[in-house]
């Protein structure tokens, strides 16, 4: 299999595991750590691709499960691949659909061979095998594709988590074999570490995947309902187990605090729907904490949302205007709020990278968290 991805480790903070690197991919270079906006259906909700370029997004995520169902891989392939289809010139990562299988459990049946499921759109029946997941993602044409995995539910007993993890390992072997046989596209395939909240299972899974020698590795099955302390513990335990010379991706985790914690453990890549979902619900990230723009306190506040932020929302508009737009149900409120939160996350990852290269990451994280809690998040109810 021809893999066109290269990963160069450019620096590591001397006081912790934080790393700065660079991914070289068919559609461009991606400095790490990096936050990837989620464009599940080949679109990041409420914003366009030109917006994403302007705020400095270097890579976006799309979902193979959703794109397989609509518009269909044949349409995307006929358009020339996902980059041409959505007119996004920079790198793209596709999730295999394993999490969607987990989240739509009432519509599917999991077996060692694969997953039978009903479409949530029209009730049609489908069967995904690890091989089919690779074929779908190759047809979509992303720069990085993911193994098909079973996302272990929470709570799960040790035996349940072990069975799930070992099924994921079997599927990873099949994905890797089929990816090598296909030999098309130059896409990089990442293995996914599962094992629930059990460290021995995470260690077993990480060792087995490392022996398979994937181009990159992901930590999956976190932020699925477990307490935040367990998520932090498993991330801190698992990240150092992964090969030093390969990129490390923490799937579906993306609050500012959680991302900075995971960077300190040595994670390079992040995605999460929370920043965009929060934006559409009126919760905005600022350098001094979260702001609920729905609150009455902002109706006569004629200062910027965040004086330290040069995003389009902060540079041009006041809190009073943003509050007015949101309360009035204006579509522009969703766009401006989303642009702000995505800009915040993209720039936070870039600032973390700069701090790592200076050897000052721990101090950077402490200073950010101290400032971020200044106004207790500003989330009082209107």
Protein backbone atom coordinates (compact mmCIF):
# COMPACT_ATOMS: atom_id res chain seq x y z
CA UNK A 1 0.00 0.00 0.00
CA UNK A 2 1.36 3.42 -0.96
CA UNK A 3 0.82 5.81 1.96
CA UNK A 4 1.54 9.43 1.17
CA UNK A 5 1.40 10.63 4.79
CA UNK A 6 4.57 11.55 6.61
CA UNK A 7 4.79 12.65 10.22
CA UNK A 8 7.72 14.62 11.57
CA UNK A 9 8.10 15.24 15.29
CA UNK A 10 9.47 18.77 15.61
CA UNK A 11 9.68 19.17 19.37
CA UNK A 12 8.61 17.88 22.78
CA UNK A 13 8.21 19.89 25.93
CA UNK A 14 10.95 18.95 28.42
CA UNK A 15 8.56 18.98 31.38
CA UNK A 16 5.72 16.81 30.01
CA UNK A 17 4.61 14.67 27.10
CA UNK A 18 3.35 17.54 24.91
CA UNK A 19 4.55 17.23 21.30
CA UNK A 20 4.72 19.49 18.27
CA UNK A 21 4.81 17.85 14.87
CA UNK A 22 3.88 18.17 11.24
CA UNK A 23 1.67 15.92 9.11
CA UNK A 24 2.47 15.92 5.41
CA UNK A 25 -0.61 14.73 3.52
CA UNK A 26 -1.70 14.63 -0.15
CA UNK A 27 -3.70 17.84 0.29
CA UNK A 28 -1.24 19.82 2.38
CA UNK A 29 0.73 20.09 5.60
CA UNK A 30 -0.92 20.12 9.02
CA UNK A 31 1.03 21.45 12.02
CA UNK A 32 0.19 19.61 15.24
CA UNK A 33 -1.38 19.77 17.75
CA UNK A 34 -4.41 20.40 15.57
CA UNK A 35 -8.13 20.77 16.15
CA UNK A 36 -10.27 19.49 13.27
CA UNK A 37 -13.77 20.97 12.79
CA UNK A 38 -16.39 18.26 12.27
CA UNK A 39 -18.11 18.27 8.88
CA UNK A 40 -20.09 15.06 9.30
CA UNK A 41 -21.95 15.28 6.00
CA UNK A 42 -19.16 17.06 4.06
CA UNK A 43 -20.18 20.37 5.63
CA UNK A 44 -19.42 22.04 8.96
CA UNK A 45 -22.80 23.19 10.23
CA UNK A 46 -23.56 26.92 9.76
CA UNK A 47 -20.31 27.85 8.00
CA UNK A 48 -18.80 27.50 4.54
CA UNK A 49 -15.44 26.28 3.35
CA UNK A 50 -14.26 29.85 2.72
CA UNK A 51 -15.03 30.63 6.37
CA UNK A 52 -12.98 27.63 7.49
CA UNK A 53 -10.01 28.71 5.40
CA UNK A 54 -10.18 32.25 6.79
CA UNK A 55 -10.11 31.10 10.43
CA UNK A 56 -7.10 28.88 9.74
CA UNK A 57 -8.64 25.40 9.87
CA UNK A 58 -6.03 23.06 8.40
CA UNK A 59 -8.03 19.83 8.32
CA UNK A 60 -11.67 18.78 8.70
CA UNK A 61 -13.42 15.54 9.57
CA UNK A 62 -16.26 13.88 7.67
CA UNK A 63 -18.15 10.66 8.42
CA UNK A 64 -18.16 7.64 6.14
CA UNK A 65 -21.41 6.22 7.55
CA UNK A 66 -23.42 9.35 6.78
CA UNK A 67 -21.83 9.96 3.39
CA UNK A 68 -22.36 6.31 2.40
CA UNK A 69 -26.09 6.73 3.07
CA UNK A 70 -26.35 10.23 1.55
CA UNK A 71 -25.39 11.28 -1.08
CA UNK A 72 -23.70 7.92 -1.68
CA UNK A 73 -20.11 6.99 -2.47
CA UNK A 74 -20.86 6.77 -6.20
CA UNK A 75 -21.86 10.44 -6.34
CA UNK A 76 -18.82 11.58 -4.36
CA UNK A 77 -16.51 9.47 -6.54
CA UNK A 78 -18.14 10.82 -9.71
CA UNK A 79 -17.46 14.35 -8.46
CA UNK A 80 -13.76 13.51 -8.21
CA UNK A 81 -13.65 12.64 -4.51
CA UNK A 82 -14.67 14.45 -1.38
CA UNK A 83 -12.24 17.34 -1.81
CA UNK A 84 -13.71 18.25 -5.18
CA UNK A 85 -17.27 17.48 -4.06
CA UNK A 86 -17.17 19.92 -1.14
CA UNK A 87 -14.54 22.22 -2.71
CA UNK A 88 -12.17 21.96 0.23
CA UNK A 89 -8.50 21.98 -0.85
CA UNK A 90 -6.96 21.00 2.49
CA UNK A 91 -6.69 17.58 4.18
CA UNK A 92 -9.74 15.59 5.29
CA UNK A 93 -10.09 12.68 7.73
CA UNK A 94 -13.04 10.28 7.58
CA UNK A 95 -14.32 8.31 10.55
CA UNK A 96 -15.25 4.76 9.56
CA UNK A 97 -18.73 4.83 11.11
CA UNK A 98 -17.96 2.74 14.19
CA UNK A 99 -19.24 5.43 16.53
CA UNK A 100 -22.47 5.78 14.55
CA UNK A 101 -23.00 2.04 14.94
CA UNK A 102 -22.57 2.57 18.68
CA UNK A 103 -24.86 5.61 18.86
CA UNK A 104 -27.61 4.00 16.75
CA UNK A 105 -27.51 0.70 18.63
CA UNK A 106 -31.27 0.15 18.41
CA UNK A 107 -30.95 -0.05 14.62
CA UNK A 108 -28.07 -2.52 14.31
CA UNK A 109 -26.79 -6.01 15.07
CA UNK A 110 -23.07 -6.55 15.68
CA UNK A 111 -21.40 -9.87 14.80
CA UNK A 112 -17.73 -10.85 14.34
CA UNK A 113 -18.31 -10.65 10.57
CA UNK A 114 -19.55 -7.05 10.67
CA UNK A 115 -22.58 -4.93 11.47
CA UNK A 116 -26.07 -5.21 10.01
CA UNK A 117 -27.94 -1.93 10.37
CA UNK A 118 -30.96 0.00 9.25
CA UNK A 119 -30.57 3.44 7.74
CA UNK A 120 -31.82 6.14 10.09
CA UNK A 121 -32.97 7.98 6.94
CA UNK A 122 -35.28 5.52 5.21
CA UNK A 123 -35.08 2.22 7.10
CA UNK A 124 -33.17 0.45 4.31
CA UNK A 125 -30.94 -2.42 5.43
CA UNK A 126 -27.16 -2.50 5.04
CA UNK A 127 -24.20 -4.60 6.15
CA UNK A 128 -20.80 -3.10 6.97
CA UNK A 129 -17.75 -5.32 7.23
CA UNK A 130 -14.27 -4.00 7.97
CA UNK A 131 -13.50 -4.48 4.28
CA UNK A 132 -16.61 -2.56 3.25
CA UNK A 133 -15.66 0.32 5.58
CA UNK A 134 -12.26 0.55 3.87
CA UNK A 135 -13.83 0.41 0.39
CA UNK A 136 -16.28 3.17 1.31
CA UNK A 137 -13.54 5.43 2.66
CA UNK A 138 -11.27 4.82 -0.32
CA UNK A 139 -14.21 5.75 -2.56
CA UNK A 140 -14.79 8.94 -0.58
CA UNK A 141 -11.12 9.83 -0.94
CA UNK A 142 -10.03 11.38 2.37
CA UNK A 143 -6.34 11.83 3.25
CA UNK A 144 -6.68 9.83 6.50
CA UNK A 145 -9.12 6.95 6.96
CA UNK A 146 -9.99 4.97 10.08
CA UNK A 147 -10.29 1.29 10.88
CA UNK A 148 -13.79 -0.02 11.50
CA UNK A 149 -14.07 -0.55 15.25
CA UNK A 150 -16.64 -1.34 17.89
CA UNK A 151 -17.00 1.56 20.31
CA UNK A 152 -17.30 -0.02 23.77
CA UNK A 153 -20.33 1.26 25.64
CA UNK A 154 -20.25 2.72 29.14
CA UNK A 155 -20.79 1.17 31.56
CA UNK A 156 -19.40 -2.23 30.51
CA UNK A 157 -18.00 -5.04 32.60
CA UNK A 158 -14.38 -6.06 32.11
CA UNK A 159 -15.51 -9.14 30.18
CA UNK A 160 -17.78 -7.10 27.93
CA UNK A 161 -15.05 -4.55 27.26
CA UNK A 162 -12.53 -7.33 26.57
CA UNK A 163 -14.81 -9.03 24.04
CA UNK A 164 -15.47 -5.70 22.32
CA UNK A 165 -11.79 -4.76 22.26
CA UNK A 166 -10.74 -8.11 20.79
CA UNK A 167 -13.40 -7.82 18.10
CA UNK A 168 -11.95 -4.40 17.28
CA UNK A 169 -8.48 -5.98 17.00
CA UNK A 170 -9.79 -8.65 14.64
CA UNK A 171 -11.46 -5.99 12.53
CA UNK A 172 -8.26 -3.91 12.55
CA UNK A 173 -6.31 -6.85 11.08
CA UNK A 174 -8.92 -7.22 8.35
CA UNK A 175 -8.94 -3.46 7.64
CA UNK A 176 -5.16 -3.39 7.37
CA UNK A 177 -5.03 -6.41 5.08
CA UNK A 178 -7.72 -5.02 2.77
CA UNK A 179 -6.15 -1.54 2.74
CA UNK A 180 -2.86 -3.09 1.61
CA UNK A 181 -4.61 -5.21 -1.01
CA UNK A 182 -6.47 -2.23 -2.45
CA UNK A 183 -3.28 -0.19 -2.74
CA UNK A 184 -5.16 2.87 -4.00
CA UNK A 185 -5.31 6.53 -3.19
CA UNK A 186 -2.29 6.97 -0.93
CA UNK A 187 -4.55 7.35 2.10
CA UNK A 188 -3.16 6.77 5.61
CA UNK A 189 -5.01 4.20 7.75
CA UNK A 190 -5.21 4.69 11.53
CA UNK A 191 -5.80 1.92 14.05
CA UNK A 192 -8.12 2.66 16.98
CA UNK A 193 -7.35 1.67 20.59
CA UNK A 194 -10.41 0.45 22.50
CA UNK A 195 -10.80 -1.20 25.91
CA UNK A 196 -13.29 0.91 27.84
CA UNK A 197 -12.12 2.24 31.20
CA UNK A 198 -9.81 -0.74 31.83
CA UNK A 199 -6.09 -0.02 31.65
CA UNK A 200 -5.04 -3.63 31.07
CA UNK A 201 -7.33 -3.84 28.04
CA UNK A 202 -6.08 -0.52 26.67
CA UNK A 203 -2.51 -1.76 27.08
CA UNK A 204 -3.28 -5.04 25.30
CA UNK A 205 -5.01 -3.25 22.43
CA UNK A 206 -2.30 -0.60 22.01
CA UNK A 207 0.45 -3.24 21.93
CA UNK A 208 -1.37 -5.37 19.36
CA UNK A 209 -2.08 -2.40 17.10
CA UNK A 210 1.48 -1.10 17.38
CA UNK A 211 2.73 -4.50 16.24
CA UNK A 212 0.57 -4.17 13.12
CA UNK A 213 2.46 -0.95 12.26
CA UNK A 214 -0.32 1.40 11.22
CA UNK A 215 0.62 4.82 9.80
CA UNK A 216 -1.17 6.44 12.76
CA UNK A 217 -3.16 5.62 15.90
CA UNK A 218 -6.31 6.86 17.59
CA UNK A 219 -7.71 6.56 21.10
CA UNK A 220 -11.40 5.74 20.74
CA UNK A 221 -14.24 4.95 23.10
CA UNK A 222 -13.75 7.95 25.38
CA UNK A 223 -16.27 10.72 26.01
CA UNK A 224 -19.07 8.14 25.65
CA UNK A 225 -20.70 8.75 29.03
CA UNK A 226 -17.91 7.85 31.45
CA UNK A 227 -16.95 10.32 34.25
CA UNK A 228 -14.45 12.96 33.16
CA UNK A 229 -11.90 11.53 35.60
CA UNK A 230 -12.01 8.19 33.78
CA UNK A 231 -11.61 9.87 30.41
CA UNK A 232 -8.56 11.75 31.68
CA UNK A 233 -7.09 8.63 33.31
CA UNK A 234 -7.47 6.48 30.20
CA UNK A 235 -6.10 9.21 27.92
CA UNK A 236 -3.07 9.76 30.16
CA UNK A 237 -2.47 6.01 30.38
CA UNK A 238 -2.92 5.20 26.70
CA UNK A 239 -1.19 8.03 24.84
CA UNK A 240 2.38 7.12 25.95
CA UNK A 241 1.80 3.50 24.87
CA UNK A 242 1.46 4.55 21.23
CA UNK A 243 4.49 4.71 18.91
CA UNK A 244 6.51 7.87 19.39
CA UNK A 245 7.06 8.40 15.67
CA UNK A 246 3.40 8.13 14.62
CA UNK A 247 0.55 10.68 15.00
CA UNK A 248 -1.85 10.20 17.92
CA UNK A 249 -5.51 11.16 17.60
CA UNK A 250 -8.02 11.44 20.47
CA UNK A 251 -11.42 10.89 18.90
CA UNK A 252 -14.42 13.04 19.83
CA UNK A 253 -12.82 15.02 22.66
CA UNK A 254 -12.64 18.75 22.27
CA UNK A 255 -13.49 21.07 25.13
CA UNK A 256 -10.68 23.60 25.64
CA UNK A 257 -9.76 22.10 29.01
CA UNK A 258 -9.81 18.49 27.82
CA UNK A 259 -7.81 19.26 24.68
CA UNK A 260 -5.06 21.00 26.64
CA UNK A 261 -4.93 18.12 29.13
CA UNK A 262 -4.61 15.57 26.32
CA UNK A 263 -1.92 17.62 24.57
CA UNK A 264 0.09 17.44 27.80
CA UNK A 265 -0.16 13.63 27.60
CA UNK A 266 1.23 13.57 24.06
CA UNK A 267 -1.87 13.64 21.84
CA UNK A 268 -1.56 15.40 18.47
CA UNK A 269 -5.02 15.49 16.84
CA UNK A 270 -8.51 16.35 18.05
CA UNK A 271 -12.08 16.65 16.78
CA UNK A 272 -15.36 17.32 18.52
CA UNK A 273 -18.85 18.55 17.68
CA UNK A 274 -19.11 20.35 21.03
CA UNK A 275 -17.68 23.73 19.92
CA UNK A 276 -20.11 24.00 17.00
CA UNK A 277 -23.07 22.53 18.90
CA UNK A 278 -22.45 24.87 21.83
CA UNK A 279 -22.23 27.80 19.42
CA UNK A 280 -25.62 27.00 17.92
CA UNK A 281 -27.04 26.82 21.45
CA UNK A 282 -25.56 30.21 22.42
CA UNK A 283 -22.59 29.07 24.53
CA UNK A 284 -19.35 30.72 23.41
CA UNK A 285 -15.74 30.19 24.47
CA UNK A 286 -13.70 33.25 25.47
CA UNK A 287 -10.27 33.80 26.98
CA UNK A 288 -11.96 34.32 30.37
CA UNK A 289 -14.40 31.41 30.19
CA UNK A 290 -17.70 30.42 28.65
CA UNK A 291 -20.31 33.07 27.84
CA UNK A 292 -24.00 32.33 27.45
CA UNK A 293 -24.95 34.93 24.86
CA UNK A 294 -28.65 34.41 25.67
CA UNK A 295 -28.22 36.06 29.05
CA UNK A 296 -29.97 39.39 29.64
CA UNK A 297 -26.70 40.83 30.97
CA UNK A 298 -25.35 41.02 27.41
CA UNK A 299 -28.23 43.01 25.90
CA UNK A 300 -26.58 46.36 26.76
CA UNK A 301 -22.95 45.24 26.56
CA UNK A 302 -21.43 47.18 23.65
CA UNK A 303 -17.97 45.69 23.95
CA UNK A 304 -16.68 42.73 21.93
CA UNK A 305 -17.43 39.18 22.93
CA UNK A 306 -13.73 38.65 23.66
CA UNK A 307 -11.33 41.62 23.38
CA UNK A 308 -8.45 39.17 22.91
CA UNK A 309 -10.05 37.50 19.87
CA UNK A 310 -9.69 38.75 16.26
CA UNK A 311 -12.34 36.44 14.79
CA UNK A 312 -15.08 37.96 12.55
CA UNK A 313 -17.65 37.97 15.37
CA UNK A 314 -15.38 39.73 17.87
CA UNK A 315 -13.68 42.06 15.40
CA UNK A 316 -16.89 43.48 13.97
CA UNK A 317 -19.74 43.00 16.47
CA UNK A 318 -20.65 43.66 20.09
CA UNK A 319 -22.06 41.27 22.67
CA UNK A 320 -25.29 43.25 22.51
CA UNK A 321 -25.61 42.65 18.79
CA UNK A 322 -24.74 38.95 19.05
CA UNK A 323 -27.30 38.59 21.85
CA UNK A 324 -29.90 40.38 19.70
CA UNK A 325 -29.22 38.11 16.71
CA UNK A 326 -29.55 34.99 18.83
CA UNK A 327 -32.74 36.08 20.59
CA UNK A 328 -34.23 37.11 17.23
CA UNK A 329 -33.57 33.73 15.67
CA UNK A 330 -31.39 35.21 12.95
CA UNK A 331 -29.43 32.63 10.94
CA UNK A 332 -26.40 34.92 11.05
CA UNK A 333 -26.20 34.28 14.82
CA UNK A 334 -25.44 30.61 14.16
CA UNK A 335 -22.74 31.47 11.64
CA UNK A 336 -21.02 34.11 13.78
CA UNK A 337 -21.19 32.02 16.95
CA UNK A 338 -19.82 28.96 15.14
CA UNK A 339 -17.01 30.95 13.52
CA UNK A 340 -16.01 32.27 16.92
CA UNK A 341 -15.91 28.90 18.70
CA UNK A 342 -14.05 27.20 15.86
CA UNK A 343 -11.55 30.07 15.64
CA UNK A 344 -11.04 29.78 19.40
CA UNK A 345 -10.27 26.03 19.21
CA UNK A 346 -8.06 26.27 16.10
CA UNK A 347 -6.02 29.10 17.60
CA UNK A 348 -5.81 27.42 21.02
CA UNK A 349 -4.21 24.36 19.40
CA UNK A 350 -1.82 26.63 17.48
CA UNK A 351 -0.90 28.53 20.66
CA UNK A 352 -0.26 25.23 22.43
CA UNK A 353 2.08 24.24 19.60
CA UNK A 354 4.03 27.49 19.94
CA UNK A 355 4.35 26.94 23.70
CA UNK A 356 5.63 23.39 23.16
CA UNK A 357 8.29 24.60 20.73
CA UNK A 358 9.38 27.18 23.33
CA UNK A 359 9.53 24.48 26.02
CA UNK A 360 6.88 26.31 28.06
CA UNK A 361 3.75 24.19 27.63
CA UNK A 362 3.01 23.51 31.30
CA UNK A 363 3.15 27.23 32.12
CA UNK A 364 1.01 28.04 29.06
CA UNK A 365 -1.68 25.56 30.13
CA UNK A 366 -1.73 26.84 33.72
CA UNK A 367 -2.06 30.45 32.57
CA UNK A 368 -4.86 29.59 30.14
CA UNK A 369 -6.86 27.65 32.73
CA UNK A 370 -6.46 30.41 35.32
CA UNK A 371 -7.77 33.04 32.90
CA UNK A 372 -10.48 30.74 31.54
CA UNK A 373 -12.03 30.46 34.99
CA UNK A 374 -11.91 34.20 35.71
CA UNK A 375 -15.64 34.88 35.44
CA UNK A 376 -16.72 31.35 36.40
CA UNK A 377 -17.67 30.75 32.80
CA UNK A 378 -20.26 33.53 32.58
CA UNK A 379 -23.01 30.93 32.26
CA UNK A 380 -25.54 32.35 34.70
CA UNK A 381 -29.11 31.89 33.52
CA UNK A 382 -30.97 34.76 31.88
